[in-house]
Amino acid sequence: MLDYLISIMIMAGIYAIFALGLNLEWGFVGLLNFGHVAFMAIGAYATILLSLEGVPLPLAVIAAMIIAGTAGAFLGITTLKLREDYLAIVTIGFGEILRFLLLNEAWLTKGSFGLYGYPRPLQDFINAYDYNLFLAGAVIIALVLVYAFLEVLARSPFGRVLKSIRDDEATAASLGKNVFGYKVQSLILGSSIAALSGSLLAFYLQYINPMNFQPLETFYAWIIVVMGGNGNNRGTIIGAMLLMGFFSGTRFIEVYIPFSPSTVSAMRMILIGLVLIALMMFLPQGILGRKEELAIGR
């Protein structure tokens, strides 16, 4: 049971980091990014490929974050002048293009066979039975650092400009703010944070392939942000804990109901949908969010 709880903690922490990157883009700036998982994939693959070439793991993680940030900048520069609905379509397309590149460029990524047997931090010094406990500690430390960084950012002049762009882009531009530049910067930061979550996910799974990075992963991040509260970093962490707790807890209902595993899996998604509908009806700002922080319908 302890190992199971540690696994839940690791996944909740990884998805909290992943969703914090999205919360920066959507909750603080109002960017509809439906391809957020692409940057998690870049983080995972870049970290592993660099480490297999002999790059020290800390440098590989930092390089992966830089690569993802650069990809975010490219995506932002080419798409951020589009209308919001078109931006959403382009970003989800970007995520799928990247996934199919990872699937088809087998000379680099091993395609559908995936990557495995790669090094993990301090694996030679930690007992295999205790490694997940160490990794849980590393994930929590990373989560605390990302959360602290985003909280400082939110209270800084930079963060206040981001919120002003979300609330009224025209007003921010009339005050001399480079709205386009701020949007690109937020996408760079959000993409780098997603890449960090991808690196941690690769270390935890010990095997990655393109199927780990389907569009559904982005929508898990959206569920987390919506549940926790738009523009609220603490709420995002709580949302990740609730979602991972729900996924883990509902696995046990297979014992009590006479349905196939695939049917039970579908029922779990239906239950999440019903919870979100109820949340939107009675608490549209999320658990810890404020109505004035809502970017939707601005």
C-alpha atoms as a PDB file:
ATOM      1  CA  MET A   1       0.000   0.000   0.000  1.00  0.00           C
ATOM      2  CA  LEU A   2       2.871   2.367   0.794  1.00  0.00           C
ATOM      3  CA  ASP A   3       4.395   1.809  -2.654  1.00  0.00           C
ATOM      4  CA  TYR A   4       1.000   2.463  -4.223  1.00  0.00           C
ATOM      5  CA  LEU A   5       0.572   5.730  -2.313  1.00  0.00           C
ATOM      6  CA  ILE A   6       4.082   6.810  -3.309  1.00  0.00           C
ATOM      7  CA  SER A   7       3.217   6.133  -6.968  1.00  0.00           C
ATOM      8  CA  ILE A   8       0.075   8.269  -6.657  1.00  0.00           C
ATOM      9  CA  MET A   9       2.143  11.033  -5.061  1.00  0.00           C
ATOM     10  CA  ILE A  10       4.678  10.943  -7.895  1.00  0.00           C
ATOM     11  CA  MET A  11       2.027  11.099 -10.625  1.00  0.00           C
ATOM     12  CA  ALA A  12       0.094  13.834  -8.822  1.00  0.00           C
ATOM     13  CA  GLY A  13       3.274  15.895  -8.485  1.00  0.00           C
ATOM     14  CA  ILE A  14       4.258  15.407 -12.135  1.00  0.00           C
ATOM     15  CA  TYR A  15       0.809  16.371 -13.407  1.00  0.00           C
ATOM     16  CA  ALA A  16       0.682  19.313 -11.011  1.00  0.00           C
ATOM     17  CA  ILE A  17       3.894  20.659 -12.577  1.00  0.00           C
ATOM     18  CA  PHE A  18       2.495  19.953 -16.044  1.00  0.00           C
ATOM     19  CA  ALA A  19      -0.753  21.781 -15.252  1.00  0.00           C
ATOM     20  CA  LEU A  20       1.056  24.725 -13.625  1.00  0.00           C
ATOM     21  CA  GLY A  21       2.642  25.434 -17.004  1.00  0.00           C
ATOM     22  CA  LEU A  22      -0.813  25.470 -18.590  1.00  0.00           C
ATOM     23  CA  ASN A  23      -2.194  27.613 -15.773  1.00  0.00           C
ATOM     24  CA  LEU A  24       0.470  30.219 -16.536  1.00  0.00           C
ATOM     25  CA  GLU A  25      -0.592  30.322 -20.189  1.00  0.00           C
ATOM     26  CA  TRP A  26      -4.356  30.131 -19.706  1.00  0.00           C
ATOM     27  CA  GLY A  27      -4.996  31.332 -16.159  1.00  0.00           C
ATOM     28  CA  PHE A  28      -2.636  34.301 -16.335  1.00  0.00           C
ATOM     29  CA  VAL A  29      -2.697  35.242 -20.019  1.00  0.00           C
ATOM     30  CA  GLY A  30      -5.794  33.592 -21.497  1.00  0.00           C
ATOM     31  CA  LEU A  31      -4.013  31.541 -24.188  1.00  0.00           C
ATOM     32  CA  LEU A  32      -5.985  28.536 -25.447  1.00  0.00           C
ATOM     33  CA  ASN A  33      -3.202  25.970 -25.733  1.00  0.00           C
ATOM     34  CA  PHE A  34      -4.593  22.530 -26.587  1.00  0.00           C
ATOM     35  CA  GLY A  35      -1.175  21.156 -27.553  1.00  0.00           C
ATOM     36  CA  HIS A  36       0.482  21.468 -24.147  1.00  0.00           C
ATOM     37  CA  VAL A  37       1.393  17.762 -24.117  1.00  0.00           C
ATOM     38  CA  ALA A  38       3.805  18.357 -27.009  1.00  0.00           C
ATOM     39  CA  PHE A  39       6.177  20.160 -24.662  1.00  0.00           C
ATOM     40  CA  MET A  40       5.967  17.364 -22.100  1.00  0.00           C
ATOM     41  CA  ALA A  41       6.976  15.001 -24.923  1.00  0.00           C
ATOM     42  CA  ILE A  42       9.861  17.264 -25.941  1.00  0.00           C
ATOM     43  CA  GLY A  43      11.074  17.324 -22.337  1.00  0.00           C
ATOM     44  CA  ALA A  44      10.911  13.546 -21.975  1.00  0.00           C
ATOM     45  CA  TYR A  45      12.529  12.666 -25.299  1.00  0.00           C
ATOM     46  CA  ALA A  46      15.177  15.396 -25.250  1.00  0.00           C
ATOM     47  CA  THR A  47      16.252  14.463 -21.719  1.00  0.00           C
ATOM     48  CA  ILE A  48      16.546  10.762 -22.526  1.00  0.00           C
ATOM     49  CA  LEU A  49      18.211  11.161 -25.929  1.00  0.00           C
ATOM     50  CA  LEU A  50      20.775  13.583 -24.528  1.00  0.00           C
ATOM     51  CA  SER A  51      21.489  11.354 -21.531  1.00  0.00           C
ATOM     52  CA  LEU A  52      22.022   8.350 -23.831  1.00  0.00           C
ATOM     53  CA  GLU A  53      24.649  10.451 -25.632  1.00  0.00           C
ATOM     54  CA  GLY A  54      26.514  10.918 -22.364  1.00  0.00           C
ATOM     55  CA  VAL A  55      25.205  14.326 -21.289  1.00  0.00           C
ATOM     56  CA  PRO A  56      24.926  14.515 -17.463  1.00  0.00           C
ATOM     57  CA  LEU A  57      21.294  14.228 -16.387  1.00  0.00           C
ATOM     58  CA  PRO A  58      20.976  17.680 -14.742  1.00  0.00           C
ATOM     59  CA  LEU A  59      22.313  19.306 -17.914  1.00  0.00           C
ATOM     60  CA  ALA A  60      20.061  17.099 -20.052  1.00  0.00           C
ATOM     61  CA  VAL A  61      16.984  18.251 -18.113  1.00  0.00           C
ATOM     62  CA  ILE A  62      17.989  21.921 -18.412  1.00  0.00           C
ATOM     63  CA  ALA A  63      18.717  21.492 -22.124  1.00  0.00           C
ATOM     64  CA  ALA A  64      15.328  19.821 -22.616  1.00  0.00           C
ATOM     65  CA  MET A  65      13.609  22.774 -20.937  1.00  0.00           C
ATOM     66  CA  ILE A  66      15.509  25.180 -23.203  1.00  0.00           C
ATOM     67  CA  ILE A  67      14.581  23.161 -26.309  1.00  0.00           C
ATOM     68  CA  ALA A  68      10.911  23.102 -25.264  1.00  0.00           C
ATOM     69  CA  GLY A  69      10.999  26.834 -24.538  1.00  0.00           C
ATOM     70  CA  THR A  70      12.477  27.466 -27.972  1.00  0.00           C
ATOM     71  CA  ALA A  71       9.729  25.338 -29.549  1.00  0.00           C
ATOM     72  CA  GLY A  72       7.175  27.325 -27.543  1.00  0.00           C
ATOM     73  CA  ALA A  73       8.647  30.564 -28.834  1.00  0.00           C
ATOM     74  CA  PHE A  74       8.462  29.296 -32.420  1.00  0.00           C
ATOM     75  CA  LEU A  75       4.850  28.214 -31.943  1.00  0.00           C
ATOM     76  CA  GLY A  76       3.981  31.550 -30.330  1.00  0.00           C
ATOM     77  CA  ILE A  77       5.634  33.730 -32.952  1.00  0.00           C
ATOM     78  CA  THR A  78       3.859  31.885 -35.761  1.00  0.00           C
ATOM     79  CA  THR A  79       0.397  31.504 -34.213  1.00  0.00           C
ATOM     80  CA  LEU A  80      -0.321  34.042 -31.474  1.00  0.00           C
ATOM     81  CA  LYS A  81      -1.764  36.594 -33.893  1.00  0.00           C
ATOM     82  CA  LEU A  82      -4.543  34.149 -34.712  1.00  0.00           C
ATOM     83  CA  ARG A  83      -7.986  34.424 -33.162  1.00  0.00           C
ATOM     84  CA  GLU A  84      -8.464  32.314 -30.031  1.00  0.00           C
ATOM     85  CA  ASP A  85     -10.429  29.484 -31.646  1.00  0.00           C
ATOM     86  CA  TYR A  86      -7.901  29.197 -34.485  1.00  0.00           C
ATOM     87  CA  LEU A  87      -5.061  29.236 -31.959  1.00  0.00           C
ATOM     88  CA  ALA A  88      -6.667  26.284 -30.163  1.00  0.00           C
ATOM     89  CA  ILE A  89      -6.893  24.314 -33.425  1.00  0.00           C
ATOM     90  CA  VAL A  90      -3.293  25.068 -34.403  1.00  0.00           C
ATOM     91  CA  THR A  91      -1.886  24.101 -30.999  1.00  0.00           C
ATOM     92  CA  ILE A  92      -3.659  20.736 -30.931  1.00  0.00           C
ATOM     93  CA  GLY A  93      -2.401  20.172 -34.469  1.00  0.00           C
ATOM     94  CA  PHE A  94       1.141  20.984 -33.352  1.00  0.00           C
ATOM     95  CA  GLY A  95       0.895  18.386 -30.597  1.00  0.00           C
ATOM     96  CA  GLU A  96      -0.277  15.706 -33.011  1.00  0.00           C
ATOM     97  CA  ILE A  97       2.367  16.593 -35.621  1.00  0.00           C
ATOM     98  CA  LEU A  98       5.077  16.213 -32.986  1.00  0.00           C
ATOM     99  CA  ARG A  99       3.650  12.891 -31.777  1.00  0.00           C
ATOM    100  CA  PHE A 100       3.620  11.472 -35.309  1.00  0.00           C
ATOM    101  CA  LEU A 101       7.172  12.697 -35.854  1.00  0.00           C
ATOM    102  CA  LEU A 102       8.234  10.815 -32.720  1.00  0.00           C
ATOM    103  CA  LEU A 103       6.361   7.771 -33.984  1.00  0.00           C
ATOM    104  CA  ASN A 104       7.811   7.786 -37.497  1.00  0.00           C
ATOM    105  CA  GLU A 105      11.391   8.994 -36.985  1.00  0.00           C
ATOM    106  CA  ALA A 106      12.452   5.612 -35.623  1.00  0.00           C
ATOM    107  CA  TRP A 107      16.137   6.256 -36.390  1.00  0.00           C
ATOM    108  CA  LEU A 108      16.100   8.745 -33.522  1.00  0.00           C
ATOM    109  CA  THR A 109      13.213   7.841 -31.212  1.00  0.00           C
ATOM    110  CA  LYS A 110      12.838   4.055 -31.869  1.00  0.00           C
ATOM    111  CA  GLY A 111       9.288   4.814 -32.994  1.00  0.00           C
ATOM    112  CA  SER A 112       6.533   2.687 -31.489  1.00  0.00           C
ATOM    113  CA  PHE A 113       9.120   0.517 -29.701  1.00  0.00           C
ATOM    114  CA  GLY A 114       9.973   3.490 -27.496  1.00  0.00           C
ATOM    115  CA  LEU A 115      13.014   4.230 -25.387  1.00  0.00           C
ATOM    116  CA  TYR A 116      14.059   2.218 -22.350  1.00  0.00           C
ATOM    117  CA  GLY A 117      17.172   1.254 -20.435  1.00  0.00           C
ATOM    118  CA  TYR A 118      18.186   4.881 -20.021  1.00  0.00           C
ATOM    119  CA  PRO A 119      19.896   6.278 -16.909  1.00  0.00           C
ATOM    120  CA  ARG A 120      17.976   7.804 -14.009  1.00  0.00           C
ATOM    121  CA  PRO A 121      19.260  10.266 -11.389  1.00  0.00           C
ATOM    122  CA  LEU A 122      21.473   8.599  -8.732  1.00  0.00           C
ATOM    123  CA  GLN A 123      20.282   5.131  -9.712  1.00  0.00           C
ATOM    124  CA  ASP A 124      23.701   3.646  -8.885  1.00  0.00           C
ATOM    125  CA  PHE A 125      23.538   4.917  -5.302  1.00  0.00           C
ATOM    126  CA  ILE A 126      19.942   4.138  -4.335  1.00  0.00           C
ATOM    127  CA  ASN A 127      18.433   0.728  -3.755  1.00  0.00           C
ATOM    128  CA  ALA A 128      15.931  -0.191  -6.477  1.00  0.00           C
ATOM    129  CA  TYR A 129      13.227  -0.838  -3.865  1.00  0.00           C
ATOM    130  CA  ASP A 130      13.679   2.667  -2.431  1.00  0.00           C
ATOM    131  CA  TYR A 131      14.043   4.510  -5.724  1.00  0.00           C
ATOM    132  CA  ASN A 132      10.411   5.582  -6.039  1.00  0.00           C
ATOM    133  CA  LEU A 133      10.588   7.128  -2.572  1.00  0.00           C
ATOM    134  CA  PHE A 134      13.637   9.137  -3.665  1.00  0.00           C
ATOM    135  CA  LEU A 135      11.889  10.111  -6.897  1.00  0.00           C
ATOM    136  CA  ALA A 136       8.800  11.231  -4.960  1.00  0.00           C
ATOM    137  CA  GLY A 137      11.037  13.542  -2.931  1.00  0.00           C
ATOM    138  CA  ALA A 138      12.633  14.907  -6.119  1.00  0.00           C
ATOM    139  CA  VAL A 139       9.209  15.511  -7.686  1.00  0.00           C
ATOM    140  CA  ILE A 140       7.972  17.330  -4.569  1.00  0.00           C
ATOM    141  CA  ILE A 141      11.075  19.532  -4.510  1.00  0.00           C
ATOM    142  CA  ALA A 142      10.613  20.352  -8.209  1.00  0.00           C
ATOM    143  CA  LEU A 143       6.932  21.114  -7.611  1.00  0.00           C
ATOM    144  CA  VAL A 144       7.718  23.435  -4.692  1.00  0.00           C
ATOM    145  CA  LEU A 145      10.326  25.289  -6.751  1.00  0.00           C
ATOM    146  CA  VAL A 146       7.989  25.711  -9.736  1.00  0.00           C
ATOM    147  CA  TYR A 147       5.135  26.814  -7.465  1.00  0.00           C
ATOM    148  CA  ALA A 148       7.356  29.332  -5.645  1.00  0.00           C
ATOM    149  CA  PHE A 149       8.661  30.704  -8.953  1.00  0.00           C
ATOM    150  CA  LEU A 150       5.150  31.163 -10.344  1.00  0.00           C
ATOM    151  CA  GLU A 151       3.880  32.770  -7.146  1.00  0.00           C
ATOM    152  CA  VAL A 152       6.735  35.304  -7.220  1.00  0.00           C
ATOM    153  CA  LEU A 153       6.065  35.836 -10.926  1.00  0.00           C
ATOM    154  CA  ALA A 154       2.341  36.411 -10.316  1.00  0.00           C
ATOM    155  CA  ARG A 155       3.082  39.139  -7.763  1.00  0.00           C
ATOM    156  CA  SER A 156       5.738  40.839  -9.901  1.00  0.00           C
ATOM    157  CA  PRO A 157       5.118  43.642 -12.429  1.00  0.00           C
ATOM    158  CA  PHE A 158       5.519  41.017 -15.169  1.00  0.00           C
ATOM    159  CA  GLY A 159       2.733  38.911 -13.669  1.00  0.00           C
ATOM    160  CA  ARG A 160       0.437  41.903 -13.308  1.00  0.00           C
ATOM    161  CA  VAL A 161       0.932  42.747 -16.981  1.00  0.00           C
ATOM    162  CA  LEU A 162       0.051  39.154 -17.920  1.00  0.00           C
ATOM    163  CA  LYS A 163      -3.207  39.385 -15.969  1.00  0.00           C
ATOM    164  CA  SER A 164      -4.006  42.738 -17.517  1.00  0.00           C
ATOM    165  CA  ILE A 165      -3.585  41.191 -20.976  1.00  0.00           C
ATOM    166  CA  ARG A 166      -5.948  38.385 -19.987  1.00  0.00           C
ATOM    167  CA  ASP A 167      -8.560  40.807 -18.649  1.00  0.00           C
ATOM    168  CA  ASP A 168      -8.386  43.430 -21.397  1.00  0.00           C
ATOM    169  CA  GLU A 169      -5.796  43.071 -24.108  1.00  0.00           C
ATOM    170  CA  ALA A 170      -6.694  46.355 -25.810  1.00  0.00           C
ATOM    171  CA  THR A 171      -6.229  48.337 -22.593  1.00  0.00           C
ATOM    172  CA  ALA A 172      -2.829  46.763 -21.946  1.00  0.00           C
ATOM    173  CA  ALA A 173      -1.734  47.613 -25.489  1.00  0.00           C
ATOM    174  CA  SER A 174      -2.993  51.191 -25.139  1.00  0.00           C
ATOM    175  CA  LEU A 175      -0.766  51.578 -22.070  1.00  0.00           C
ATOM    176  CA  GLY A 176       2.286  50.766 -24.165  1.00  0.00           C
ATOM    177  CA  LYS A 177       2.692  47.084 -23.248  1.00  0.00           C
ATOM    178  CA  ASN A 178       4.036  44.758 -25.922  1.00  0.00           C
ATOM    179  CA  VAL A 179       1.141  42.298 -25.722  1.00  0.00           C
ATOM    180  CA  PHE A 180       2.549  39.958 -28.370  1.00  0.00           C
ATOM    181  CA  GLY A 181       5.941  39.821 -26.640  1.00  0.00           C
ATOM    182  CA  TYR A 182       4.410  39.048 -23.254  1.00  0.00           C
ATOM    183  CA  LYS A 183       2.316  36.250 -24.755  1.00  0.00           C
ATOM    184  CA  VAL A 184       5.379  34.678 -26.368  1.00  0.00           C
ATOM    185  CA  GLN A 185       7.300  34.899 -23.089  1.00  0.00           C
ATOM    186  CA  SER A 186       4.473  33.216 -21.179  1.00  0.00           C
ATOM    187  CA  LEU A 187       4.368  30.423 -23.756  1.00  0.00           C
ATOM    188  CA  ILE A 188       8.125  29.948 -23.417  1.00  0.00           C
ATOM    189  CA  LEU A 189       7.867  29.658 -19.632  1.00  0.00           C
ATOM    190  CA  GLY A 190       4.818  27.374 -19.734  1.00  0.00           C
ATOM    191  CA  SER A 191       6.495  25.113 -22.302  1.00  0.00           C
ATOM    192  CA  SER A 192       9.685  24.874 -20.227  1.00  0.00           C
ATOM    193  CA  ILE A 193       7.686  23.890 -17.142  1.00  0.00           C
ATOM    194  CA  ALA A 194       5.851  21.214 -19.160  1.00  0.00           C
ATOM    195  CA  ALA A 195       9.228  19.901 -20.338  1.00  0.00           C
ATOM    196  CA  LEU A 196      10.350  19.516 -16.724  1.00  0.00           C
ATOM    197  CA  SER A 197       7.273  17.395 -16.023  1.00  0.00           C
ATOM    198  CA  GLY A 198       8.134  15.289 -19.088  1.00  0.00           C
ATOM    199  CA  SER A 199      11.649  14.635 -17.794  1.00  0.00           C
ATOM    200  CA  LEU A 200      10.283  13.523 -14.416  1.00  0.00           C
ATOM    201  CA  LEU A 201       7.661  11.327 -16.099  1.00  0.00           C
ATOM    202  CA  ALA A 202      10.371   9.592 -18.139  1.00  0.00           C
ATOM    203  CA  PHE A 203      12.405   8.910 -14.992  1.00  0.00           C
ATOM    204  CA  TYR A 204       9.348   7.437 -13.298  1.00  0.00           C
ATOM    205  CA  LEU A 205       8.047   5.273 -16.164  1.00  0.00           C
ATOM    206  CA  GLN A 206      11.503   3.993 -17.237  1.00  0.00           C
ATOM    207  CA  TYR A 207       9.993   3.535 -20.702  1.00  0.00           C
ATOM    208  CA  ILE A 208       8.485   6.104 -23.040  1.00  0.00           C
ATOM    209  CA  ASN A 209       6.875   5.927 -26.458  1.00  0.00           C
ATOM    210  CA  PRO A 210       4.707   8.353 -28.455  1.00  0.00           C
ATOM    211  CA  MET A 211       1.510   6.817 -27.053  1.00  0.00           C
ATOM    212  CA  ASN A 212       2.381   8.335 -23.670  1.00  0.00           C
ATOM    213  CA  PHE A 213       1.772  11.800 -25.145  1.00  0.00           C
ATOM    214  CA  GLN A 214      -1.673  11.727 -26.708  1.00  0.00           C
ATOM    215  CA  PRO A 215      -3.999  14.789 -26.728  1.00  0.00           C
ATOM    216  CA  LEU A 216      -5.896  13.340 -23.756  1.00  0.00           C
ATOM    217  CA  GLU A 217      -2.930  14.256 -21.533  1.00  0.00           C
ATOM    218  CA  THR A 218      -3.446  17.938 -22.366  1.00  0.00           C
ATOM    219  CA  PHE A 219      -7.086  17.681 -21.384  1.00  0.00           C
ATOM    220  CA  TYR A 220      -6.114  16.113 -18.070  1.00  0.00           C
ATOM    221  CA  ALA A 221      -4.146  19.318 -17.446  1.00  0.00           C
ATOM    222  CA  TRP A 222      -7.201  21.366 -18.424  1.00  0.00           C
ATOM    223  CA  ILE A 223      -9.356  19.368 -15.994  1.00  0.00           C
ATOM    224  CA  ILE A 224      -6.830  20.035 -13.238  1.00  0.00           C
ATOM    225  CA  VAL A 225      -6.744  23.785 -13.913  1.00  0.00           C
ATOM    226  CA  VAL A 226     -10.530  24.063 -14.182  1.00  0.00           C
ATOM    227  CA  MET A 227     -11.104  22.070 -10.991  1.00  0.00           C
ATOM    228  CA  GLY A 228      -8.474  23.880  -8.963  1.00  0.00           C
ATOM    229  CA  GLY A 229      -9.310  27.379 -10.089  1.00  0.00           C
ATOM    230  CA  ASN A 230      -8.276  29.429 -13.073  1.00  0.00           C
ATOM    231  CA  GLY A 231      -5.202  31.534 -12.325  1.00  0.00           C
ATOM    232  CA  ASN A 232      -4.650  29.937  -8.896  1.00  0.00           C
ATOM    233  CA  ASN A 233      -1.421  27.931  -8.548  1.00  0.00           C
ATOM    234  CA  ARG A 234      -2.387  26.400  -5.208  1.00  0.00           C
ATOM    235  CA  GLY A 235      -5.709  25.335  -6.682  1.00  0.00           C
ATOM    236  CA  THR A 236      -3.889  23.687  -9.595  1.00  0.00           C
ATOM    237  CA  ILE A 237      -1.899  21.526  -7.181  1.00  0.00           C
ATOM    238  CA  ILE A 238      -5.085  20.552  -5.344  1.00  0.00           C
ATOM    239  CA  GLY A 239      -6.761  19.769  -8.677  1.00  0.00           C
ATOM    240  CA  ALA A 240      -3.886  17.428  -9.622  1.00  0.00           C
ATOM    241  CA  MET A 241      -4.157  15.612  -6.293  1.00  0.00           C
ATOM    242  CA  LEU A 242      -7.919  15.205  -6.713  1.00  0.00           C
ATOM    243  CA  LEU A 243      -7.671  13.946 -10.299  1.00  0.00           C
ATOM    244  CA  MET A 244      -4.912  11.421  -9.572  1.00  0.00           C
ATOM    245  CA  GLY A 245      -6.683  10.357  -6.389  1.00  0.00           C
ATOM    246  CA  PHE A 246      -9.888   9.835  -8.349  1.00  0.00           C
ATOM    247  CA  PHE A 247      -8.171   7.784 -11.063  1.00  0.00           C
ATOM    248  CA  SER A 248      -6.403   5.646  -8.478  1.00  0.00           C
ATOM    249  CA  GLY A 249      -9.389   5.200  -6.173  1.00  0.00           C
ATOM    250  CA  THR A 250     -11.886   4.249  -8.873  1.00  0.00           C
ATOM    251  CA  ARG A 251      -9.702   1.370 -10.053  1.00  0.00           C
ATOM    252  CA  PHE A 252     -11.019  -0.631  -7.127  1.00  0.00           C
ATOM    253  CA  ILE A 253     -14.640  -0.428  -8.265  1.00  0.00           C
ATOM    254  CA  GLU A 254     -13.946  -3.241 -10.756  1.00  0.00           C
ATOM    255  CA  VAL A 255     -14.135  -5.611  -7.787  1.00  0.00           C
ATOM    256  CA  TYR A 256     -17.676  -4.514  -6.912  1.00  0.00           C
ATOM    257  CA  ILE A 257     -19.420  -4.113 -10.287  1.00  0.00           C
ATOM    258  CA  PRO A 258     -19.862  -6.811 -12.970  1.00  0.00           C
ATOM    259  CA  PHE A 259     -18.397  -4.861 -15.898  1.00  0.00           C
ATOM    260  CA  SER A 260     -15.331  -5.333 -18.089  1.00  0.00           C
ATOM    261  CA  PRO A 261     -12.222  -3.218 -17.431  1.00  0.00           C
ATOM    262  CA  SER A 262     -12.845  -1.197 -20.626  1.00  0.00           C
ATOM    263  CA  THR A 263     -16.397  -0.408 -19.486  1.00  0.00           C
ATOM    264  CA  VAL A 264     -15.185   0.622 -16.055  1.00  0.00           C
ATOM    265  CA  SER A 265     -12.551   2.874 -17.683  1.00  0.00           C
ATOM    266  CA  ALA A 266     -15.263   4.550 -19.752  1.00  0.00           C
ATOM    267  CA  MET A 267     -17.421   4.978 -16.649  1.00  0.00           C
ATOM    268  CA  ARG A 268     -14.563   6.735 -14.878  1.00  0.00           C
ATOM    269  CA  MET A 269     -14.325   9.288 -17.688  1.00  0.00           C
ATOM    270  CA  ILE A 270     -18.103   9.774 -17.595  1.00  0.00           C
ATOM    271  CA  LEU A 271     -17.921  10.421 -13.857  1.00  0.00           C
ATOM    272  CA  ILE A 272     -15.182  13.013 -14.379  1.00  0.00           C
ATOM    273  CA  GLY A 273     -17.351  14.694 -17.018  1.00  0.00           C
ATOM    274  CA  LEU A 274     -20.326  14.794 -14.650  1.00  0.00           C
ATOM    275  CA  VAL A 275     -18.177  16.252 -11.871  1.00  0.00           C
ATOM    276  CA  LEU A 276     -16.905  18.968 -14.233  1.00  0.00           C
ATOM    277  CA  ILE A 277     -20.441  19.797 -15.381  1.00  0.00           C
ATOM    278  CA  ALA A 278     -21.551  20.144 -11.766  1.00  0.00           C
ATOM    279  CA  LEU A 279     -18.494  22.267 -11.002  1.00  0.00           C
ATOM    280  CA  MET A 280     -19.195  24.584 -13.925  1.00  0.00           C
ATOM    281  CA  MET A 281     -22.799  24.935 -12.825  1.00  0.00           C
ATOM    282  CA  PHE A 282     -22.246  25.629  -9.136  1.00  0.00           C
ATOM    283  CA  LEU A 283     -18.603  26.704  -8.864  1.00  0.00           C
ATOM    284  CA  PRO A 284     -17.439  27.966 -12.281  1.00  0.00           C
ATOM    285  CA  GLN A 285     -14.326  29.583 -10.824  1.00  0.00           C
ATOM    286  CA  GLY A 286     -13.063  26.227  -9.475  1.00  0.00           C
ATOM    287  CA  ILE A 287     -12.233  25.185  -5.927  1.00  0.00           C
ATOM    288  CA  LEU A 288      -9.882  28.063  -5.064  1.00  0.00           C
ATOM    289  CA  GLY A 289     -10.393  30.373  -8.034  1.00  0.00           C
ATOM    290  CA  ARG A 290     -12.149  33.736  -8.071  1.00  0.00           C
ATOM    291  CA  LYS A 291     -14.783  34.727 -10.597  1.00  0.00           C
ATOM    292  CA  GLU A 292     -12.845  37.834 -11.528  1.00  0.00           C
ATOM    293  CA  GLU A 293      -9.891  35.577 -12.495  1.00  0.00           C
ATOM    294  CA  LEU A 294     -11.890  33.736 -15.145  1.00  0.00           C
ATOM    295  CA  ALA A 295     -10.301  34.211 -18.557  1.00  0.00           C
ATOM    296  CA  ILE A 296     -13.206  32.675 -20.420  1.00  0.00           C
ATOM    297  CA  GLY A 297     -15.681  35.072 -21.924  1.00  0.00           C
ATOM    298  CA  ARG A 298     -13.507  38.092 -21.287  1.00  0.00           C
END
